[in-house]
């Protein structure tokens, strides 16, 4: 009888520990500290600085594409650049 009580106690403790870890990881995921049970995984940066040293052109391409997107967004919000009104 003693072993059954101990076994049930151990199982309950493991379930509570797993639930606590789940709540902690969910809290950290909402704050962006970890990736845990999310639909969209962040893009990998496996090599980081090493990749930038051996392939510096990759960094320039990323910066150029970000600048192009910003210019396209700005052009959509401001209208034509030559000052002509195309709605007439």
PDB file of N, CA and C in Angstrom:
ATOM      1  N   UNK A   1       0.820  -1.196   0.000  1.00  0.00           N
ATOM      2  CA  UNK A   1       0.000   0.000   0.000  1.00  0.00           C
ATOM      3  C   UNK A   1       0.865   1.262   0.000  1.00  0.00           C
ATOM      4  N   UNK A   2       1.992   1.191   0.734  1.00  0.00           N
ATOM      5  CA  UNK A   2       2.896   2.333   0.817  1.00  0.00           C
ATOM      6  C   UNK A   2       3.460   2.688  -0.561  1.00  0.00           C
ATOM      7  N   UNK A   3       3.810   1.708  -1.371  1.00  0.00           N
ATOM      8  CA  UNK A   3       4.397   1.946  -2.686  1.00  0.00           C
ATOM      9  C   UNK A   3       3.402   2.566  -3.647  1.00  0.00           C
ATOM     10  N   UNK A   4       2.144   2.261  -3.517  1.00  0.00           N
ATOM     11  CA  UNK A   4       1.109   2.857  -4.379  1.00  0.00           C
ATOM     12  C   UNK A   4       0.978   4.345  -4.092  1.00  0.00           C
ATOM     13  N   UNK A   5       0.999   4.712  -2.823  1.00  0.00           N
ATOM     14  CA  UNK A   5       0.911   6.129  -2.441  1.00  0.00           C
ATOM     15  C   UNK A   5       2.132   6.883  -2.955  1.00  0.00           C
ATOM     16  N   UNK A   6       3.297   6.278  -2.836  1.00  0.00           N
ATOM     17  CA  UNK A   6       4.523   6.917  -3.334  1.00  0.00           C
ATOM     18  C   UNK A   6       4.469   7.064  -4.856  1.00  0.00           C
ATOM     19  N   UNK A   7       4.028   6.042  -5.559  1.00  0.00           N
ATOM     20  CA  UNK A   7       3.945   6.094  -7.021  1.00  0.00           C
ATOM     21  C   UNK A   7       2.960   7.165  -7.476  1.00  0.00           C
ATOM     22  N   UNK A   8       1.808   7.247  -6.820  1.00  0.00           N
ATOM     23  CA  UNK A   8       0.830   8.288  -7.175  1.00  0.00           C
ATOM     24  C   UNK A   8       1.404   9.671  -6.891  1.00  0.00           C
ATOM     25  N   UNK A   9       2.109   9.810  -5.799  1.00  0.00           N
ATOM     26  CA  UNK A   9       2.747  11.089  -5.472  1.00  0.00           C
ATOM     27  C   UNK A   9       3.778  11.502  -6.506  1.00  0.00           C
ATOM     28  N   UNK A  10       4.563  10.548  -6.957  1.00  0.00           N
ATOM     29  CA  UNK A  10       5.582  10.831  -7.978  1.00  0.00           C
ATOM     30  C   UNK A  10       4.921  11.237  -9.294  1.00  0.00           C
ATOM     31  N   UNK A  11       3.872  10.550  -9.690  1.00  0.00           N
ATOM     32  CA  UNK A  11       3.168  10.882 -10.935  1.00  0.00           C
ATOM     33  C   UNK A  11       2.557  12.281 -10.843  1.00  0.00           C
ATOM     34  N   UNK A  12       1.949  12.596  -9.723  1.00  0.00           N
ATOM     35  CA  UNK A  12       1.355  13.931  -9.546  1.00  0.00           C
ATOM     36  C   UNK A  12       2.446  14.997  -9.599  1.00  0.00           C
ATOM     37  N   UNK A  13       3.566  14.755  -8.963  1.00  0.00           N
ATOM     38  CA  UNK A  13       4.672  15.713  -8.984  1.00  0.00           C
ATOM     39  C   UNK A  13       5.199  15.918 -10.399  1.00  0.00           C
ATOM     40  N   UNK A  14       5.322  14.847 -11.181  1.00  0.00           N
ATOM     41  CA  UNK A  14       5.792  14.971 -12.561  1.00  0.00           C
ATOM     42  C   UNK A  14       4.809  15.753 -13.421  1.00  0.00           C
ATOM     43  N   UNK A  15       3.514  15.521 -13.232  1.00  0.00           N
ATOM     44  CA  UNK A  15       2.504  16.257 -14.005  1.00  0.00           C
ATOM     45  C   UNK A  15       2.546  17.743 -13.647  1.00  0.00           C
ATOM     46  N   UNK A  16       2.674  18.064 -12.369  1.00  0.00           N
ATOM     47  CA  UNK A  16       2.761  19.466 -11.952  1.00  0.00           C
ATOM     48  C   UNK A  16       4.031  20.129 -12.491  1.00  0.00           C
ATOM     49  N   UNK A  17       5.135  19.407 -12.486  1.00  0.00           N
ATOM     50  CA  UNK A  17       6.390  19.953 -13.014  1.00  0.00           C
ATOM     51  C   UNK A  17       6.276  20.203 -14.516  1.00  0.00           C
ATOM     52  N   UNK A  18       5.689  19.266 -15.250  1.00  0.00           N
ATOM     53  CA  UNK A  18       5.528  19.443 -16.702  1.00  0.00           C
ATOM     54  C   UNK A  18       4.598  20.623 -17.000  1.00  0.00           C
ATOM     55  N   UNK A  19       3.538  20.759 -16.233  1.00  0.00           N
ATOM     56  CA  UNK A  19       2.630  21.887 -16.420  1.00  0.00           C
ATOM     57  C   UNK A  19       3.307  23.209 -16.130  1.00  0.00           C
ATOM     58  N   UNK A  20       4.141  23.249 -15.095  1.00  0.00           N
ATOM     59  CA  UNK A  20       4.865  24.480 -14.759  1.00  0.00           C
ATOM     60  C   UNK A  20       5.848  24.861 -15.857  1.00  0.00           C
ATOM     61  N   UNK A  21       6.556  23.879 -16.389  1.00  0.00           N
ATOM     62  CA  UNK A  21       7.503  24.149 -17.483  1.00  0.00           C
ATOM     63  C   UNK A  21       6.751  24.651 -18.717  1.00  0.00           C
ATOM     64  N   UNK A  22       5.602  24.062 -19.000  1.00  0.00           N
ATOM     65  CA  UNK A  22       4.793  24.505 -20.139  1.00  0.00           C
ATOM     66  C   UNK A  22       4.354  25.954 -19.959  1.00  0.00           C
ATOM     67  N   UNK A  23       3.879  26.315 -18.788  1.00  0.00           N
ATOM     68  CA  UNK A  23       3.459  27.696 -18.534  1.00  0.00           C
ATOM     69  C   UNK A  23       4.631  28.667 -18.637  1.00  0.00           C
ATOM     70  N   UNK A  24       5.787  28.261 -18.130  1.00  0.00           N
ATOM     71  CA  UNK A  24       6.975  29.108 -18.207  1.00  0.00           C
ATOM     72  C   UNK A  24       7.408  29.322 -19.661  1.00  0.00           C
ATOM     73  N   UNK A  25       7.415  28.262 -20.454  1.00  0.00           N
ATOM     74  CA  UNK A  25       7.811  28.390 -21.856  1.00  0.00           C
ATOM     75  C   UNK A  25       6.783  29.182 -22.665  1.00  0.00           C
ATOM     76  N   UNK A  26       5.500  29.043 -22.349  1.00  0.00           N
ATOM     77  CA  UNK A  26       4.478  29.832 -23.029  1.00  0.00           C
ATOM     78  C   UNK A  26       4.651  31.314 -22.716  1.00  0.00           C
ATOM     79  N   UNK A  27       4.941  31.631 -21.468  1.00  0.00           N
ATOM     80  CA  UNK A  27       5.180  33.016 -21.060  1.00  0.00           C
ATOM     81  C   UNK A  27       6.403  33.588 -21.797  1.00  0.00           C
ATOM     82  N   UNK A  28       7.479  32.812 -21.870  1.00  0.00           N
ATOM     83  CA  UNK A  28       8.694  33.263 -22.551  1.00  0.00           C
ATOM     84  C   UNK A  28       8.457  33.397 -24.055  1.00  0.00           C
ATOM     85  N   UNK A  29       7.618  32.551 -24.632  1.00  0.00           N
ATOM     86  CA  UNK A  29       7.318  32.627 -26.063  1.00  0.00           C
ATOM     87  C   UNK A  29       6.565  33.905 -26.390  1.00  0.00           C
ATOM     88  N   UNK A  30       5.614  34.284 -25.538  1.00  0.00           N
ATOM     89  CA  UNK A  30       4.851  35.514 -25.786  1.00  0.00           C
ATOM     90  C   UNK A  30       5.742  36.740 -25.745  1.00  0.00           C
ATOM     91  N   UNK A  31       6.814  36.684 -25.003  1.00  0.00           N
ATOM     92  CA  UNK A  31       7.731  37.817 -24.914  1.00  0.00           C
ATOM     93  C   UNK A  31       8.879  37.737 -25.917  1.00  0.00           C
ATOM     94  N   UNK A  32       8.881  36.705 -26.734  1.00  0.00           N
ATOM     95  CA  UNK A  32       9.891  36.573 -27.771  1.00  0.00           C
ATOM     96  C   UNK A  32      11.230  36.062 -27.280  1.00  0.00           C
ATOM     97  N   UNK A  33      11.277  35.489 -26.095  1.00  0.00           N
ATOM     98  CA  UNK A  33      12.545  35.007 -25.551  1.00  0.00           C
ATOM     99  C   UNK A  33      12.932  33.641 -26.104  1.00  0.00           C
ATOM    100  N   UNK A  34      11.949  32.798 -26.382  1.00  0.00           N
ATOM    101  CA  UNK A  34      12.193  31.469 -26.935  1.00  0.00           C
ATOM    102  C   UNK A  34      11.170  31.197 -28.017  1.00  0.00           C
ATOM    103  N   UNK A  35      11.448  30.184 -28.842  1.00  0.00           N
ATOM    104  CA  UNK A  35      10.471  29.726 -29.832  1.00  0.00           C
ATOM    105  C   UNK A  35       9.870  28.464 -29.279  1.00  0.00           C
ATOM    106  N   UNK A  36       8.569  28.507 -28.958  1.00  0.00           N
ATOM    107  CA  UNK A  36       7.914  27.358 -28.350  1.00  0.00           C
ATOM    108  C   UNK A  36       6.473  27.298 -28.828  1.00  0.00           C
ATOM    109  N   UNK A  37       6.115  26.244 -29.544  1.00  0.00           N
ATOM    110  CA  UNK A  37       4.753  25.993 -30.010  1.00  0.00           C
ATOM    111  C   UNK A  37       4.161  27.206 -30.723  1.00  0.00           C
ATOM    112  N   UNK A  38       4.851  27.671 -31.717  1.00  0.00           N
ATOM    113  CA  UNK A  38       4.411  28.822 -32.491  1.00  0.00           C
ATOM    114  C   UNK A  38       4.219  28.381 -33.934  1.00  0.00           C
ATOM    115  N   UNK A  39       3.332  29.051 -34.665  1.00  0.00           N
ATOM    116  CA  UNK A  39       3.066  28.671 -36.044  1.00  0.00           C
ATOM    117  C   UNK A  39       4.201  29.050 -36.980  1.00  0.00           C
ATOM    118  N   UNK A  40       4.781  30.218 -36.785  1.00  0.00           N
ATOM    119  CA  UNK A  40       5.807  30.718 -37.689  1.00  0.00           C
ATOM    120  C   UNK A  40       7.139  30.703 -36.959  1.00  0.00           C
ATOM    121  N   UNK A  41       8.067  29.951 -37.508  1.00  0.00           N
ATOM    122  CA  UNK A  41       9.387  29.875 -36.902  1.00  0.00           C
ATOM    123  C   UNK A  41      10.251  31.023 -37.428  1.00  0.00           C
ATOM    124  N   UNK A  42      11.018  31.664 -36.575  1.00  0.00           N
ATOM    125  CA  UNK A  42      11.878  32.744 -37.039  1.00  0.00           C
ATOM    126  C   UNK A  42      12.951  32.220 -37.994  1.00  0.00           C
ATOM    127  N   UNK A  43      13.410  33.052 -38.916  1.00  0.00           N
ATOM    128  CA  UNK A  43      14.431  32.580 -39.855  1.00  0.00           C
ATOM    129  C   UNK A  43      15.736  32.241 -39.133  1.00  0.00           C
ATOM    130  N   UNK A  44      16.391  31.173 -39.554  1.00  0.00           N
ATOM    131  CA  UNK A  44      17.610  30.759 -38.855  1.00  0.00           C
ATOM    132  C   UNK A  44      18.783  31.682 -39.159  1.00  0.00           C
ATOM    133  N   UNK A  45      19.580  31.947 -38.161  1.00  0.00           N
ATOM    134  CA  UNK A  45      20.829  32.686 -38.314  1.00  0.00           C
ATOM    135  C   UNK A  45      21.937  31.797 -37.771  1.00  0.00           C
ATOM    136  N   UNK A  46      22.194  30.700 -38.477  1.00  0.00           N
ATOM    137  CA  UNK A  46      23.076  29.670 -37.936  1.00  0.00           C
ATOM    138  C   UNK A  46      24.533  30.112 -37.850  1.00  0.00           C
ATOM    139  N   UNK A  47      25.012  30.806 -38.847  1.00  0.00           N
ATOM    140  CA  UNK A  47      26.431  31.152 -38.844  1.00  0.00           C
ATOM    141  C   UNK A  47      26.693  32.576 -38.381  1.00  0.00           C
ATOM    142  N   UNK A  48      25.719  33.458 -38.504  1.00  0.00           N
ATOM    143  CA  UNK A  48      25.822  34.814 -37.981  1.00  0.00           C
ATOM    144  C   UNK A  48      27.043  35.560 -38.469  1.00  0.00           C
ATOM    145  N   UNK A  49      27.909  35.937 -37.526  1.00  0.00           N
ATOM    146  CA  UNK A  49      29.078  36.749 -37.818  1.00  0.00           C
ATOM    147  C   UNK A  49      30.038  36.042 -38.769  1.00  0.00           C
ATOM    148  N   UNK A  50      30.181  34.743 -38.622  1.00  0.00           N
ATOM    149  CA  UNK A  50      31.082  33.993 -39.497  1.00  0.00           C
ATOM    150  C   UNK A  50      30.631  34.094 -40.953  1.00  0.00           C
ATOM    151  N   UNK A  51      29.321  34.013 -41.182  1.00  0.00           N
ATOM    152  CA  UNK A  51      28.786  34.140 -42.535  1.00  0.00           C
ATOM    153  C   UNK A  51      29.010  35.547 -43.089  1.00  0.00           C
ATOM    154  N   UNK A  52      28.866  36.559 -42.238  1.00  0.00           N
ATOM    155  CA  UNK A  52      29.086  37.938 -42.686  1.00  0.00           C
ATOM    156  C   UNK A  52      30.549  38.181 -43.060  1.00  0.00           C
ATOM    157  N   UNK A  53      31.480  37.493 -42.380  1.00  0.00           N
ATOM    158  CA  UNK A  53      32.902  37.663 -42.683  1.00  0.00           C
ATOM    159  C   UNK A  53      33.245  37.039 -44.033  1.00  0.00           C
ATOM    160  N   UNK A  54      32.748  35.823 -44.284  1.00  0.00           N
ATOM    161  CA  UNK A  54      33.105  35.110 -45.511  1.00  0.00           C
ATOM    162  C   UNK A  54      32.226  35.459 -46.698  1.00  0.00           C
ATOM    163  N   UNK A  55      31.034  35.979 -46.457  1.00  0.00           N
ATOM    164  CA  UNK A  55      30.122  36.369 -47.531  1.00  0.00           C
ATOM    165  C   UNK A  55      29.527  37.752 -47.241  1.00  0.00           C
ATOM    166  N   UNK A  56      30.328  38.810 -47.327  1.00  0.00           N
ATOM    167  CA  UNK A  56      29.805  40.134 -46.984  1.00  0.00           C
ATOM    168  C   UNK A  56      28.731  40.611 -47.959  1.00  0.00           C
ATOM    169  N   UNK A  57      28.688  40.065 -49.161  1.00  0.00           N
ATOM    170  CA  UNK A  57      27.689  40.495 -50.128  1.00  0.00           C
ATOM    171  C   UNK A  57      26.278  40.150 -49.666  1.00  0.00           C
ATOM    172  N   UNK A  58      26.132  39.090 -48.873  1.00  0.00           N
ATOM    173  CA  UNK A  58      24.811  38.702 -48.376  1.00  0.00           C
ATOM    174  C   UNK A  58      24.229  39.823 -47.534  1.00  0.00           C
ATOM    175  N   UNK A  59      25.039  40.431 -46.694  1.00  0.00           N
ATOM    176  CA  UNK A  59      24.573  41.529 -45.844  1.00  0.00           C
ATOM    177  C   UNK A  59      24.146  42.725 -46.687  1.00  0.00           C
ATOM    178  N   UNK A  60      24.892  43.011 -47.745  1.00  0.00           N
ATOM    179  CA  UNK A  60      24.537  44.147 -48.600  1.00  0.00           C
ATOM    180  C   UNK A  60      23.247  43.880 -49.360  1.00  0.00           C
ATOM    181  N   UNK A  61      23.028  42.665 -49.786  1.00  0.00           N
ATOM    182  CA  UNK A  61      21.789  42.316 -50.487  1.00  0.00           C
ATOM    183  C   UNK A  61      20.596  42.482 -49.549  1.00  0.00           C
ATOM    184  N   UNK A  62      20.726  42.044 -48.317  1.00  0.00           N
ATOM    185  CA  UNK A  62      19.646  42.179 -47.354  1.00  0.00           C
ATOM    186  C   UNK A  62      19.347  43.645 -47.096  1.00  0.00           C
ATOM    187  N   UNK A  63      20.397  44.462 -46.924  1.00  0.00           N
ATOM    188  CA  UNK A  63      20.193  45.897 -46.701  1.00  0.00           C
ATOM    189  C   UNK A  63      19.546  46.543 -47.922  1.00  0.00           C
ATOM    190  N   UNK A  64      19.977  46.162 -49.132  1.00  0.00           N
ATOM    191  CA  UNK A  64      19.425  46.733 -50.354  1.00  0.00           C
ATOM    192  C   UNK A  64      17.943  46.372 -50.491  1.00  0.00           C
ATOM    193  N   UNK A  65      17.604  45.104 -50.238  1.00  0.00           N
ATOM    194  CA  UNK A  65      16.199  44.687 -50.354  1.00  0.00           C
ATOM    195  C   UNK A  65      15.324  45.396 -49.327  1.00  0.00           C
ATOM    196  N   UNK A  66      15.837  45.608 -48.132  1.00  0.00           N
ATOM    197  CA  UNK A  66      15.070  46.328 -47.118  1.00  0.00           C
ATOM    198  C   UNK A  66      14.856  47.776 -47.548  1.00  0.00           C
ATOM    199  N   UNK A  67      15.865  48.374 -48.150  1.00  0.00           N
ATOM    200  CA  UNK A  67      15.723  49.747 -48.650  1.00  0.00           C
ATOM    201  C   UNK A  67      14.732  49.834 -49.800  1.00  0.00           C
ATOM    202  N   UNK A  68      14.755  48.835 -50.689  1.00  0.00           N
ATOM    203  CA  UNK A  68      13.807  48.815 -51.805  1.00  0.00           C
ATOM    204  C   UNK A  68      12.368  48.712 -51.301  1.00  0.00           C
ATOM    205  N   UNK A  69      12.143  47.870 -50.299  1.00  0.00           N
ATOM    206  CA  UNK A  69      10.794  47.733 -49.740  1.00  0.00           C
ATOM    207  C   UNK A  69      10.337  49.035 -49.102  1.00  0.00           C
ATOM    208  N   UNK A  70      11.239  49.703 -48.418  1.00  0.00           N
ATOM    209  CA  UNK A  70      10.881  50.969 -47.775  1.00  0.00           C
ATOM    210  C   UNK A  70      10.552  52.021 -48.835  1.00  0.00           C
ATOM    211  N   UNK A  71      11.322  52.064 -49.919  1.00  0.00           N
ATOM    212  CA  UNK A  71      11.045  53.036 -50.985  1.00  0.00           C
ATOM    213  C   UNK A  71       9.726  52.726 -51.678  1.00  0.00           C
ATOM    214  N   UNK A  72       9.421  51.453 -51.864  1.00  0.00           N
ATOM    215  CA  UNK A  72       8.160  51.072 -52.503  1.00  0.00           C
ATOM    216  C   UNK A  72       6.980  51.439 -51.608  1.00  0.00           C
ATOM    217  N   UNK A  73       7.105  51.202 -50.316  1.00  0.00           N
ATOM    218  CA  UNK A  73       6.042  51.580 -49.383  1.00  0.00           C
ATOM    219  C   UNK A  73       5.849  53.085 -49.367  1.00  0.00           C
ATOM    220  N   UNK A  74       6.944  53.824 -49.409  1.00  0.00           N
ATOM    221  CA  UNK A  74       6.864  55.284 -49.403  1.00  0.00           C
ATOM    222  C   UNK A  74       6.227  55.787 -50.703  1.00  0.00           C
ATOM    223  N   UNK A  75       6.565  55.164 -51.820  1.00  0.00           N
ATOM    224  CA  UNK A  75       5.999  55.586 -53.105  1.00  0.00           C
ATOM    225  C   UNK A  75       4.495  55.311 -53.148  1.00  0.00           C
ATOM    226  N   UNK A  76       4.044  54.220 -52.531  1.00  0.00           N
ATOM    227  CA  UNK A  76       2.615  53.903 -52.514  1.00  0.00           C
ATOM    228  C   UNK A  76       1.836  54.905 -51.675  1.00  0.00           C
ATOM    229  N   UNK A  77       2.425  55.370 -50.594  1.00  0.00           N
ATOM    230  CA  UNK A  77       1.703  56.275 -49.707  1.00  0.00           C
ATOM    231  C   UNK A  77       1.736  57.719 -50.179  1.00  0.00           C
ATOM    232  N   UNK A  78       2.779  58.121 -50.919  1.00  0.00           N
ATOM    233  CA  UNK A  78       2.888  59.523 -51.319  1.00  0.00           C
ATOM    234  C   UNK A  78       2.305  59.788 -52.699  1.00  0.00           C
ATOM    235  N   UNK A  79       2.186  58.806 -53.532  1.00  0.00           N
ATOM    236  CA  UNK A  79       1.651  59.015 -54.874  1.00  0.00           C
ATOM    237  C   UNK A  79       2.754  59.237 -55.884  1.00  0.00           C
ATOM    238  N   UNK A  80       2.404  59.796 -57.057  1.00  0.00           N
ATOM    239  CA  UNK A  80       3.417  59.996 -58.099  1.00  0.00           C
ATOM    240  C   UNK A  80       4.454  61.035 -57.668  1.00  0.00           C
ATOM    241  N   UNK A  81       5.693  60.819 -58.067  1.00  0.00           N
ATOM    242  CA  UNK A  81       6.772  61.714 -57.663  1.00  0.00           C
ATOM    243  C   UNK A  81       6.871  62.961 -58.533  1.00  0.00           C
ATOM    244  N   UNK A  82       6.331  62.932 -59.752  1.00  0.00           N
ATOM    245  CA  UNK A  82       6.490  64.080 -60.635  1.00  0.00           C
ATOM    246  C   UNK A  82       5.460  65.175 -60.334  1.00  0.00           C
ATOM    247  N   UNK A  83       4.570  64.971 -59.427  1.00  0.00           N
ATOM    248  CA  UNK A  83       3.596  65.994 -59.052  1.00  0.00           C
ATOM    249  C   UNK A  83       2.349  65.996 -59.907  1.00  0.00           C
ATOM    250  N   UNK A  84       2.259  65.158 -60.917  1.00  0.00           N
ATOM    251  CA  UNK A  84       1.070  65.137 -61.759  1.00  0.00           C
ATOM    252  C   UNK A  84      -0.030  64.346 -61.077  1.00  0.00           C
ATOM    253  N   UNK A  85      -1.267  64.748 -61.319  1.00  0.00           N
ATOM    254  CA  UNK A  85      -2.409  64.071 -60.721  1.00  0.00           C
ATOM    255  C   UNK A  85      -2.964  63.115 -61.752  1.00  0.00           C
ATOM    256  N   UNK A  86      -2.913  61.828 -61.478  1.00  0.00           N
ATOM    257  CA  UNK A  86      -3.347  60.827 -62.473  1.00  0.00           C
ATOM    258  C   UNK A  86      -4.841  60.523 -62.372  1.00  0.00           C
ATOM    259  N   UNK A  87      -5.562  61.106 -61.394  1.00  0.00           N
ATOM    260  CA  UNK A  87      -6.966  60.815 -61.215  1.00  0.00           C
ATOM    261  C   UNK A  87      -7.865  61.687 -62.094  1.00  0.00           C
ATOM    262  N   UNK A  88      -7.337  62.672 -62.766  1.00  0.00           N
ATOM    263  CA  UNK A  88      -8.169  63.580 -63.566  1.00  0.00           C
ATOM    264  C   UNK A  88      -8.634  62.952 -64.826  1.00  0.00           C
TER     265      UNK A  88
END
